[in-house]
Structure formats: structure tokens, C-alpha cells
Amino acid sequence: MATGKVFKYGDNVDTDVIIPARYLNAPDPAELAKHCMEDIDTAYVKRVRPGDIMVGGANFGCGSSREHAPIAIRASGASCVIAASFARIFYRNAINIGFPILECPEAAAAINDGDTVSVDFDTGVITDETTGQTFRASALPPFIGRIVENGGLLPYLKSKLDKEAE
């Protein structure tokens, strides 16, 4: 479960906007977070608080295949991204690092910047606490939910191998 203030962006937010290429040499997620969204929202990193929620339109995370984009968003403090749709590579990279994302076109259209939103990751229910509206995103499939719960694909695989070794 996550509850936070919404930072809303439009369609086709690409990975170069999420984390500009000039910062890709930064090895530390905290350093990436300092530059998250700066080319379209210079105030984002000053205003975002732990647990806040990013909402995007269609094709969120399009562009390059770099994992830096979901890493920067997570490291900035956002608890998840809700979007009308995700670029497939962004979707996979977010899951691989254990960062929850939800596709829900209705929520992405109706939720406004600054609203307070709650997300139940187990059920896929998104509640706009500001307006009282509720939406249902597809819940993550159980195996993807386990990857996210373990903090990403590598920690998930390690836990599976550890269990098999017992």
C-alpha cells in the first residue's frame, strides 16, 4: 500500500526526460535522483517526498532501454508510477529493479497534479483521496508481485536459489 501526493505528466515521457543522458555516468541512485525530471519539472526534486506518486499518460518511459529511468524515479522517493500505458522496456526495467508500476488509463486521465492518491498493490485499487474516485488497475501477476516484493529480479532469484539449497 502506498499513499502520496501526485506529480502528473503527459504522454510520451521518455527516459531522457526522466533522467537526462548527461547524468548517466552517476553510479549512485541518490545522485540520479537529484536530476529526475529536471528537464520538464525543475521543481520536482525539491517537492517530491517519500511515498509520493508519479502519474503519466500513454507510453510512459519510451525511449532508450536504460534502467536509470525507473531507478531515478524510485530513488527520488516516489513509491510507484501509474500511467495510461508504459513502454515495454520501461515496464520490464521497473519490475527488474522491484519498482511497482500500474497501468490504468482511467486513473491516469482523472487524477490531477497535487491530488493525494492511495494504491493497493495487491488488489490494483487506486483511490484518489482528494476526489473520492476509485479505479481498478490490473494487479501485478503473482510472480511479478513476488519479484517486486523481493526488491527486484536479482534478489528474487537469489532467494529462490537459497531456498533450493536448503
N, C-alpha and C. Protein backbone atom coordinates (compact mmCIF):
# COMPACT_ATOMS: atom_id res chain seq x y z
N MET A 1 0.85 -1.18 0.00
CA MET A 1 0.00 0.00 0.00
C MET A 1 0.89 1.24 0.00
N ALA A 2 0.49 2.22 -0.78
CA ALA A 2 1.23 3.49 -0.84
C ALA A 2 0.22 4.63 -0.87
N THR A 3 0.56 5.72 -0.23
CA THR A 3 -0.26 6.93 -0.28
C THR A 3 0.68 8.11 -0.43
N GLY A 4 0.35 8.99 -1.37
CA GLY A 4 1.20 10.16 -1.56
C GLY A 4 0.58 11.19 -2.47
N LYS A 5 1.26 12.29 -2.58
CA LYS A 5 0.85 13.39 -3.45
C LYS A 5 1.24 13.04 -4.88
N VAL A 6 0.44 13.48 -5.83
CA VAL A 6 0.65 13.15 -7.24
C VAL A 6 1.46 14.22 -7.95
N PHE A 7 2.40 13.75 -8.75
CA PHE A 7 3.12 14.55 -9.72
C PHE A 7 2.69 14.01 -11.08
N LYS A 8 1.97 14.83 -11.85
CA LYS A 8 1.37 14.34 -13.08
C LYS A 8 2.08 14.90 -14.31
N TYR A 9 2.29 14.00 -15.27
CA TYR A 9 2.95 14.34 -16.53
C TYR A 9 2.11 13.78 -17.68
N GLY A 10 2.41 14.19 -18.89
CA GLY A 10 1.61 13.83 -20.05
C GLY A 10 2.04 12.55 -20.73
N ASP A 11 1.69 12.47 -22.00
CA ASP A 11 2.02 11.31 -22.84
C ASP A 11 3.49 11.35 -23.28
N ASN A 12 4.00 10.19 -23.60
CA ASN A 12 5.33 10.03 -24.21
C ASN A 12 6.47 10.64 -23.39
N VAL A 13 6.39 10.50 -22.07
CA VAL A 13 7.51 10.93 -21.22
C VAL A 13 8.62 9.92 -21.43
N ASP A 14 9.70 10.37 -22.07
CA ASP A 14 10.75 9.41 -22.41
C ASP A 14 11.85 9.36 -21.35
N THR A 15 12.68 8.35 -21.49
CA THR A 15 13.71 8.11 -20.48
C THR A 15 14.72 9.26 -20.41
N ASP A 16 14.91 9.99 -21.52
CA ASP A 16 15.82 11.14 -21.49
C ASP A 16 15.24 12.31 -20.71
N VAL A 17 13.92 12.36 -20.59
CA VAL A 17 13.29 13.39 -19.76
C VAL A 17 13.31 12.94 -18.30
N ILE A 18 13.09 11.65 -18.06
CA ILE A 18 13.09 11.14 -16.69
C ILE A 18 14.46 11.34 -16.06
N ILE A 19 15.51 10.95 -16.77
CA ILE A 19 16.88 11.19 -16.30
C ILE A 19 17.71 11.55 -17.53
N PRO A 20 18.04 12.84 -17.66
CA PRO A 20 18.80 13.28 -18.84
C PRO A 20 20.11 12.51 -19.01
N ALA A 21 20.45 12.24 -20.26
CA ALA A 21 21.63 11.43 -20.59
C ALA A 21 22.92 12.00 -20.00
N ARG A 22 22.98 13.30 -19.79
CA ARG A 22 24.22 13.90 -19.27
C ARG A 22 24.54 13.44 -17.84
N TYR A 23 23.59 12.76 -17.18
CA TYR A 23 23.83 12.28 -15.82
C TYR A 23 23.98 10.76 -15.73
N LEU A 24 24.03 10.09 -16.85
CA LEU A 24 24.04 8.62 -16.82
C LEU A 24 25.32 8.02 -16.25
N ASN A 25 26.37 8.80 -16.14
CA ASN A 25 27.60 8.27 -15.56
C ASN A 25 27.57 8.25 -14.04
N ALA A 26 26.56 8.85 -13.44
CA ALA A 26 26.44 8.84 -11.98
C ALA A 26 26.17 7.41 -11.52
N PRO A 27 27.05 6.84 -10.71
CA PRO A 27 26.87 5.45 -10.30
C PRO A 27 25.89 5.27 -9.14
N ASP A 28 25.55 6.35 -8.47
CA ASP A 28 24.75 6.28 -7.26
C ASP A 28 23.29 6.67 -7.54
N PRO A 29 22.32 5.84 -7.16
CA PRO A 29 20.92 6.20 -7.37
C PRO A 29 20.54 7.55 -6.75
N ALA A 30 21.12 7.89 -5.61
CA ALA A 30 20.82 9.18 -4.98
C ALA A 30 21.27 10.34 -5.87
N GLU A 31 22.36 10.16 -6.58
CA GLU A 31 22.82 11.21 -7.50
C GLU A 31 21.88 11.31 -8.70
N LEU A 32 21.42 10.16 -9.21
CA LEU A 32 20.44 10.18 -10.30
C LEU A 32 19.16 10.89 -9.85
N ALA A 33 18.74 10.63 -8.62
CA ALA A 33 17.50 11.22 -8.10
C ALA A 33 17.55 12.74 -8.10
N LYS A 34 18.72 13.31 -7.90
CA LYS A 34 18.86 14.77 -7.87
C LYS A 34 18.49 15.42 -9.20
N HIS A 35 18.48 14.63 -10.27
CA HIS A 35 18.24 15.18 -11.60
C HIS A 35 16.97 14.62 -12.26
N CYS A 36 16.21 13.84 -11.50
CA CYS A 36 15.00 13.22 -12.03
C CYS A 36 14.00 14.30 -12.47
N MET A 37 13.55 14.21 -13.68
CA MET A 37 12.51 15.06 -14.29
C MET A 37 12.94 16.51 -14.47
N GLU A 38 14.21 16.84 -14.27
CA GLU A 38 14.60 18.24 -14.25
C GLU A 38 14.39 18.98 -15.58
N ASP A 39 14.36 18.27 -16.68
CA ASP A 39 14.18 18.96 -17.96
C ASP A 39 12.73 19.34 -18.24
N ILE A 40 11.77 18.76 -17.52
CA ILE A 40 10.37 19.16 -17.70
C ILE A 40 9.73 19.70 -16.42
N ASP A 41 10.37 19.47 -15.28
CA ASP A 41 9.81 19.93 -14.00
C ASP A 41 10.96 20.20 -13.04
N THR A 42 11.51 21.39 -13.13
CA THR A 42 12.70 21.72 -12.32
C THR A 42 12.41 21.66 -10.82
N ALA A 43 11.15 21.78 -10.43
CA ALA A 43 10.81 21.77 -9.01
C ALA A 43 10.56 20.37 -8.46
N TYR A 44 10.47 19.36 -9.34
CA TYR A 44 10.12 18.01 -8.88
C TYR A 44 11.00 17.55 -7.73
N VAL A 45 12.31 17.59 -7.88
CA VAL A 45 13.19 17.04 -6.85
C VAL A 45 13.13 17.83 -5.54
N LYS A 46 12.71 19.06 -5.61
CA LYS A 46 12.58 19.87 -4.38
C LYS A 46 11.25 19.59 -3.67
N ARG A 47 10.24 19.18 -4.45
CA ARG A 47 8.90 19.00 -3.88
C ARG A 47 8.55 17.55 -3.54
N VAL A 48 9.15 16.59 -4.22
CA VAL A 48 8.78 15.19 -4.01
C VAL A 48 9.16 14.75 -2.59
N ARG A 49 8.30 13.97 -2.00
CA ARG A 49 8.51 13.42 -0.66
C ARG A 49 8.39 11.90 -0.73
N PRO A 50 9.03 11.19 0.19
CA PRO A 50 8.91 9.73 0.19
C PRO A 50 7.45 9.29 0.18
N GLY A 51 7.14 8.39 -0.74
CA GLY A 51 5.79 7.86 -0.86
C GLY A 51 4.95 8.53 -1.92
N ASP A 52 5.39 9.69 -2.43
CA ASP A 52 4.62 10.37 -3.46
C ASP A 52 4.49 9.48 -4.70
N ILE A 53 3.56 9.86 -5.57
CA ILE A 53 3.19 9.01 -6.70
C ILE A 53 3.30 9.80 -7.99
N MET A 54 3.91 9.20 -8.99
CA MET A 54 4.01 9.82 -10.31
C MET A 54 2.90 9.24 -11.19
N VAL A 55 2.23 10.11 -11.93
CA VAL A 55 1.19 9.69 -12.85
C VAL A 55 1.56 10.20 -14.24
N GLY A 56 1.45 9.33 -15.22
CA GLY A 56 1.78 9.70 -16.59
C GLY A 56 0.70 9.27 -17.55
N GLY A 57 0.79 9.77 -18.75
CA GLY A 57 -0.15 9.41 -19.80
C GLY A 57 0.27 8.14 -20.52
N ALA A 58 0.01 8.13 -21.80
CA ALA A 58 0.32 6.95 -22.62
C ALA A 58 1.81 6.89 -22.93
N ASN A 59 2.31 5.67 -23.06
CA ASN A 59 3.68 5.40 -23.50
C ASN A 59 4.73 5.96 -22.54
N PHE A 60 4.45 5.92 -21.26
CA PHE A 60 5.38 6.42 -20.26
C PHE A 60 6.67 5.60 -20.29
N GLY A 61 7.80 6.27 -20.27
CA GLY A 61 9.09 5.58 -20.25
C GLY A 61 9.58 5.12 -21.60
N CYS A 62 9.06 5.72 -22.67
CA CYS A 62 9.54 5.36 -24.00
C CYS A 62 10.98 5.85 -24.17
N GLY A 63 11.62 5.42 -25.21
CA GLY A 63 12.99 5.85 -25.47
C GLY A 63 13.97 4.73 -25.31
N SER A 64 15.04 5.00 -24.61
CA SER A 64 16.13 4.02 -24.51
C SER A 64 15.81 2.92 -23.51
N SER A 65 16.66 1.93 -23.51
CA SER A 65 16.44 0.75 -22.66
C SER A 65 17.12 0.87 -21.30
N ARG A 66 17.62 2.03 -20.96
CA ARG A 66 18.37 2.15 -19.71
C ARG A 66 17.49 1.97 -18.47
N GLU A 67 18.06 1.27 -17.48
CA GLU A 67 17.38 1.10 -16.19
C GLU A 67 17.45 2.35 -15.33
N HIS A 68 18.25 3.31 -15.74
CA HIS A 68 18.43 4.53 -14.95
C HIS A 68 17.11 5.24 -14.70
N ALA A 69 16.17 5.17 -15.64
CA ALA A 69 14.92 5.93 -15.51
C ALA A 69 14.10 5.45 -14.30
N PRO A 70 13.73 4.17 -14.19
CA PRO A 70 12.98 3.78 -13.00
C PRO A 70 13.83 3.87 -11.72
N ILE A 71 15.13 3.69 -11.83
CA ILE A 71 15.99 3.85 -10.66
C ILE A 71 15.93 5.28 -10.15
N ALA A 72 16.00 6.26 -11.05
CA ALA A 72 15.95 7.67 -10.65
C ALA A 72 14.61 8.01 -10.01
N ILE A 73 13.51 7.50 -10.57
CA ILE A 73 12.20 7.79 -10.00
C ILE A 73 12.08 7.19 -8.61
N ARG A 74 12.45 5.93 -8.46
CA ARG A 74 12.39 5.28 -7.14
C ARG A 74 13.29 6.00 -6.15
N ALA A 75 14.51 6.33 -6.55
CA ALA A 75 15.46 6.98 -5.64
C ALA A 75 15.01 8.40 -5.26
N SER A 76 14.17 9.01 -6.10
CA SER A 76 13.67 10.35 -5.78
C SER A 76 12.67 10.31 -4.63
N GLY A 77 12.14 9.14 -4.33
CA GLY A 77 11.18 9.00 -3.25
C GLY A 77 9.81 8.53 -3.70
N ALA A 78 9.55 8.55 -5.01
CA ALA A 78 8.25 8.10 -5.50
C ALA A 78 8.04 6.63 -5.15
N SER A 79 6.81 6.30 -4.77
CA SER A 79 6.52 4.92 -4.38
C SER A 79 6.07 4.06 -5.56
N CYS A 80 5.60 4.71 -6.63
CA CYS A 80 5.16 3.98 -7.81
C CYS A 80 4.85 4.96 -8.93
N VAL A 81 4.60 4.41 -10.11
CA VAL A 81 4.11 5.20 -11.25
C VAL A 81 2.81 4.55 -11.71
N ILE A 82 1.81 5.40 -11.92
CA ILE A 82 0.55 5.00 -12.54
C ILE A 82 0.55 5.67 -13.91
N ALA A 83 0.24 4.93 -14.96
CA ALA A 83 0.19 5.54 -16.29
C ALA A 83 -0.89 4.88 -17.12
N ALA A 84 -1.28 5.59 -18.18
CA ALA A 84 -2.25 5.02 -19.12
C ALA A 84 -1.65 3.79 -19.79
N SER A 85 -0.36 3.88 -20.12
CA SER A 85 0.37 2.72 -20.66
C SER A 85 1.86 3.00 -20.50
N PHE A 86 2.64 1.93 -20.52
CA PHE A 86 4.08 2.02 -20.37
C PHE A 86 4.77 1.47 -21.61
N ALA A 87 5.89 2.07 -21.95
CA ALA A 87 6.76 1.45 -22.94
C ALA A 87 7.21 0.12 -22.34
N ARG A 88 7.22 -0.92 -23.15
CA ARG A 88 7.51 -2.26 -22.63
C ARG A 88 8.87 -2.35 -21.93
N ILE A 89 9.88 -1.69 -22.46
CA ILE A 89 11.20 -1.80 -21.84
C ILE A 89 11.22 -1.12 -20.48
N PHE A 90 10.51 0.01 -20.34
CA PHE A 90 10.42 0.67 -19.04
C PHE A 90 9.69 -0.25 -18.05
N TYR A 91 8.60 -0.84 -18.51
CA TYR A 91 7.83 -1.77 -17.67
C TYR A 91 8.74 -2.87 -17.13
N ARG A 92 9.49 -3.48 -18.02
CA ARG A 92 10.36 -4.59 -17.62
C ARG A 92 11.48 -4.11 -16.69
N ASN A 93 12.07 -2.96 -17.00
CA ASN A 93 13.14 -2.44 -16.14
C ASN A 93 12.61 -2.10 -14.75
N ALA A 94 11.40 -1.55 -14.67
CA ALA A 94 10.83 -1.24 -13.36
C ALA A 94 10.65 -2.51 -12.55
N ILE A 95 10.11 -3.54 -13.15
CA ILE A 95 9.94 -4.82 -12.46
C ILE A 95 11.30 -5.38 -12.06
N ASN A 96 12.26 -5.33 -12.96
CA ASN A 96 13.59 -5.88 -12.67
C ASN A 96 14.24 -5.24 -11.46
N ILE A 97 13.94 -3.96 -11.20
CA ILE A 97 14.54 -3.30 -10.02
C ILE A 97 13.60 -3.30 -8.82
N GLY A 98 12.42 -3.91 -8.97
CA GLY A 98 11.48 -4.01 -7.86
C GLY A 98 10.66 -2.76 -7.62
N PHE A 99 10.42 -1.99 -8.67
CA PHE A 99 9.67 -0.74 -8.55
C PHE A 99 8.26 -0.95 -9.10
N PRO A 100 7.22 -0.77 -8.28
CA PRO A 100 5.86 -1.05 -8.73
C PRO A 100 5.32 0.01 -9.69
N ILE A 101 4.66 -0.47 -10.74
CA ILE A 101 4.00 0.39 -11.71
C ILE A 101 2.64 -0.20 -12.01
N LEU A 102 1.68 0.66 -12.32
CA LEU A 102 0.33 0.22 -12.60
C LEU A 102 -0.20 0.90 -13.85
N GLU A 103 -0.76 0.10 -14.76
CA GLU A 103 -1.43 0.65 -15.94
C GLU A 103 -2.91 0.82 -15.65
N CYS A 104 -3.38 2.05 -15.79
CA CYS A 104 -4.80 2.33 -15.58
C CYS A 104 -5.14 3.62 -16.31
N PRO A 105 -5.59 3.52 -17.58
CA PRO A 105 -5.89 4.72 -18.35
C PRO A 105 -6.91 5.64 -17.68
N GLU A 106 -7.92 5.05 -17.03
CA GLU A 106 -8.95 5.86 -16.38
C GLU A 106 -8.36 6.69 -15.24
N ALA A 107 -7.54 6.08 -14.41
CA ALA A 107 -6.91 6.81 -13.30
C ALA A 107 -5.96 7.87 -13.83
N ALA A 108 -5.17 7.52 -14.82
CA ALA A 108 -4.21 8.47 -15.39
C ALA A 108 -4.91 9.69 -15.95
N ALA A 109 -6.09 9.51 -16.51
CA ALA A 109 -6.84 10.64 -17.07
C ALA A 109 -7.51 11.48 -15.99
N ALA A 110 -8.02 10.85 -14.95
CA ALA A 110 -8.85 11.56 -13.96
C ALA A 110 -8.07 12.18 -12.82
N ILE A 111 -6.96 11.59 -12.44
CA ILE A 111 -6.19 12.09 -11.30
C ILE A 111 -5.47 13.37 -11.71
N ASN A 112 -5.48 14.35 -10.82
CA ASN A 112 -4.85 15.64 -11.10
C ASN A 112 -3.56 15.82 -10.32
N ASP A 113 -2.69 16.65 -10.86
CA ASP A 113 -1.45 17.01 -10.18
C ASP A 113 -1.80 17.57 -8.80
N GLY A 114 -1.11 17.10 -7.77
CA GLY A 114 -1.34 17.58 -6.42
C GLY A 114 -2.36 16.80 -5.63
N ASP A 115 -3.16 15.94 -6.29
CA ASP A 115 -4.12 15.11 -5.56
C ASP A 115 -3.36 14.16 -4.64
N THR A 116 -4.04 13.69 -3.61
CA THR A 116 -3.49 12.63 -2.77
C THR A 116 -4.12 11.33 -3.21
N VAL A 117 -3.29 10.33 -3.47
CA VAL A 117 -3.75 9.06 -4.02
C VAL A 117 -3.21 7.91 -3.17
N SER A 118 -4.05 6.90 -2.99
CA SER A 118 -3.65 5.65 -2.33
C SER A 118 -3.69 4.53 -3.35
N VAL A 119 -2.73 3.63 -3.25
CA VAL A 119 -2.64 2.50 -4.16
C VAL A 119 -2.50 1.22 -3.34
N ASP A 120 -3.37 0.27 -3.61
CA ASP A 120 -3.26 -1.06 -3.01
C ASP A 120 -2.67 -1.97 -4.09
N PHE A 121 -1.41 -2.30 -3.93
CA PHE A 121 -0.71 -3.09 -4.95
C PHE A 121 -1.26 -4.50 -5.08
N ASP A 122 -1.78 -5.05 -3.99
CA ASP A 122 -2.30 -6.43 -4.05
C ASP A 122 -3.58 -6.53 -4.87
N THR A 123 -4.44 -5.52 -4.77
CA THR A 123 -5.72 -5.58 -5.46
C THR A 123 -5.76 -4.75 -6.74
N GLY A 124 -4.82 -3.80 -6.87
CA GLY A 124 -4.82 -2.90 -8.01
C GLY A 124 -5.78 -1.73 -7.85
N VAL A 125 -6.35 -1.55 -6.65
CA VAL A 125 -7.29 -0.45 -6.42
C VAL A 125 -6.51 0.83 -6.17
N ILE A 126 -6.87 1.85 -6.94
CA ILE A 126 -6.29 3.18 -6.84
C ILE A 126 -7.40 4.10 -6.35
N THR A 127 -7.16 4.81 -5.26
CA THR A 127 -8.16 5.73 -4.72
C THR A 127 -7.62 7.14 -4.73
N ASP A 128 -8.33 8.03 -5.40
CA ASP A 128 -7.99 9.45 -5.36
C ASP A 128 -8.65 10.00 -4.10
N GLU A 129 -7.86 10.14 -3.05
CA GLU A 129 -8.38 10.60 -1.76
C GLU A 129 -8.93 12.02 -1.85
N THR A 130 -8.45 12.81 -2.80
CA THR A 130 -8.89 14.19 -2.97
C THR A 130 -10.32 14.24 -3.51
N THR A 131 -10.62 13.39 -4.49
CA THR A 131 -11.94 13.43 -5.14
C THR A 131 -12.86 12.31 -4.69
N GLY A 132 -12.30 11.27 -4.07
CA GLY A 132 -13.09 10.12 -3.67
C GLY A 132 -13.28 9.08 -4.76
N GLN A 133 -12.77 9.32 -5.95
CA GLN A 133 -12.90 8.36 -7.05
C GLN A 133 -12.01 7.15 -6.82
N THR A 134 -12.48 5.99 -7.25
CA THR A 134 -11.65 4.79 -7.21
C THR A 134 -11.54 4.21 -8.61
N PHE A 135 -10.43 3.56 -8.83
CA PHE A 135 -10.12 2.96 -10.13
C PHE A 135 -9.51 1.60 -9.87
N ARG A 136 -9.62 0.73 -10.84
CA ARG A 136 -9.01 -0.60 -10.70
C ARG A 136 -8.02 -0.82 -11.84
N ALA A 137 -6.76 -0.86 -11.46
CA ALA A 137 -5.71 -1.25 -12.39
C ALA A 137 -5.59 -2.77 -12.32
N SER A 138 -5.00 -3.34 -13.30
CA SER A 138 -4.71 -4.76 -13.22
C SER A 138 -3.65 -4.96 -12.15
N ALA A 139 -3.95 -5.84 -11.21
CA ALA A 139 -2.96 -6.16 -10.18
C ALA A 139 -1.79 -6.86 -10.87
N LEU A 140 -0.63 -6.72 -10.30
CA LEU A 140 0.53 -7.41 -10.87
C LEU A 140 0.30 -8.92 -10.78
N PRO A 141 0.66 -9.66 -11.81
CA PRO A 141 0.57 -11.12 -11.71
C PRO A 141 1.39 -11.59 -10.50
N PRO A 142 0.98 -12.68 -9.87
CA PRO A 142 1.65 -13.12 -8.64
C PRO A 142 3.17 -13.25 -8.76
N PHE A 143 3.67 -13.79 -9.86
CA PHE A 143 5.12 -13.97 -9.96
C PHE A 143 5.83 -12.62 -10.07
N ILE A 144 5.21 -11.63 -10.72
CA ILE A 144 5.80 -10.30 -10.79
C ILE A 144 5.70 -9.62 -9.43
N GLY A 145 4.58 -9.84 -8.75
CA GLY A 145 4.44 -9.31 -7.38
C GLY A 145 5.54 -9.82 -6.47
N ARG A 146 5.91 -11.08 -6.62
CA ARG A 146 7.00 -11.64 -5.79
C ARG A 146 8.34 -11.01 -6.14
N ILE A 147 8.55 -10.72 -7.42
CA ILE A 147 9.80 -10.04 -7.83
C ILE A 147 9.86 -8.66 -7.18
N VAL A 148 8.76 -7.91 -7.26
CA VAL A 148 8.72 -6.57 -6.66
C VAL A 148 8.90 -6.65 -5.14
N GLU A 149 8.20 -7.59 -4.49
CA GLU A 149 8.31 -7.75 -3.03
C GLU A 149 9.73 -8.07 -2.59
N ASN A 150 10.47 -8.78 -3.43
CA ASN A 150 11.86 -9.14 -3.10
C ASN A 150 12.85 -8.03 -3.43
N GLY A 151 12.38 -6.95 -4.02
CA GLY A 151 13.26 -5.83 -4.34
C GLY A 151 13.88 -5.91 -5.72
N GLY A 152 13.35 -6.78 -6.58
CA GLY A 152 13.84 -6.86 -7.95
C GLY A 152 14.13 -8.29 -8.37
N LEU A 153 14.48 -8.43 -9.63
CA LEU A 153 14.70 -9.75 -10.20
C LEU A 153 15.88 -10.49 -9.58
N LEU A 154 17.00 -9.81 -9.43
CA LEU A 154 18.18 -10.49 -8.86
C LEU A 154 17.96 -10.92 -7.42
N PRO A 155 17.43 -10.07 -6.53
CA PRO A 155 17.15 -10.55 -5.17
C PRO A 155 16.12 -11.68 -5.15
N TYR A 156 15.15 -11.63 -6.05
CA TYR A 156 14.15 -12.69 -6.14
C TYR A 156 14.81 -14.02 -6.52
N LEU A 157 15.65 -14.00 -7.55
CA LEU A 157 16.33 -15.22 -7.98
C LEU A 157 17.27 -15.75 -6.89
N LYS A 158 17.94 -14.84 -6.20
CA LYS A 158 18.82 -15.26 -5.11
C LYS A 158 18.01 -15.96 -4.01
N SER A 159 16.85 -15.41 -3.67
CA SER A 159 16.03 -16.03 -2.63
C SER A 159 15.54 -17.41 -3.07
N LYS A 160 15.22 -17.55 -4.35
CA LYS A 160 14.80 -18.85 -4.86
C LYS A 160 15.96 -19.87 -4.79
N LEU A 161 17.14 -19.44 -5.18
CA LEU A 161 18.30 -20.33 -5.13
C LEU A 161 18.65 -20.70 -3.68
N ASP A 162 18.55 -19.74 -2.79
CA ASP A 162 18.82 -20.02 -1.38
C ASP A 162 17.85 -21.05 -0.83
N LYS A 163 16.57 -20.93 -1.21
CA LYS A 163 15.55 -21.89 -0.74
C LYS A 163 15.82 -23.28 -1.30
N GLU A 164 16.25 -23.35 -2.56
CA GLU A 164 16.53 -24.64 -3.18
C GLU A 164 17.75 -25.30 -2.55
N ALA A 165 18.69 -24.47 -2.06
CA ALA A 165 19.92 -25.00 -1.47
C ALA A 165 19.70 -25.55 -0.07
N GLU A 166 18.59 -25.16 0.54
CA GLU A 166 18.32 -25.62 1.93
C GLU A 166 17.99 -27.08 2.00
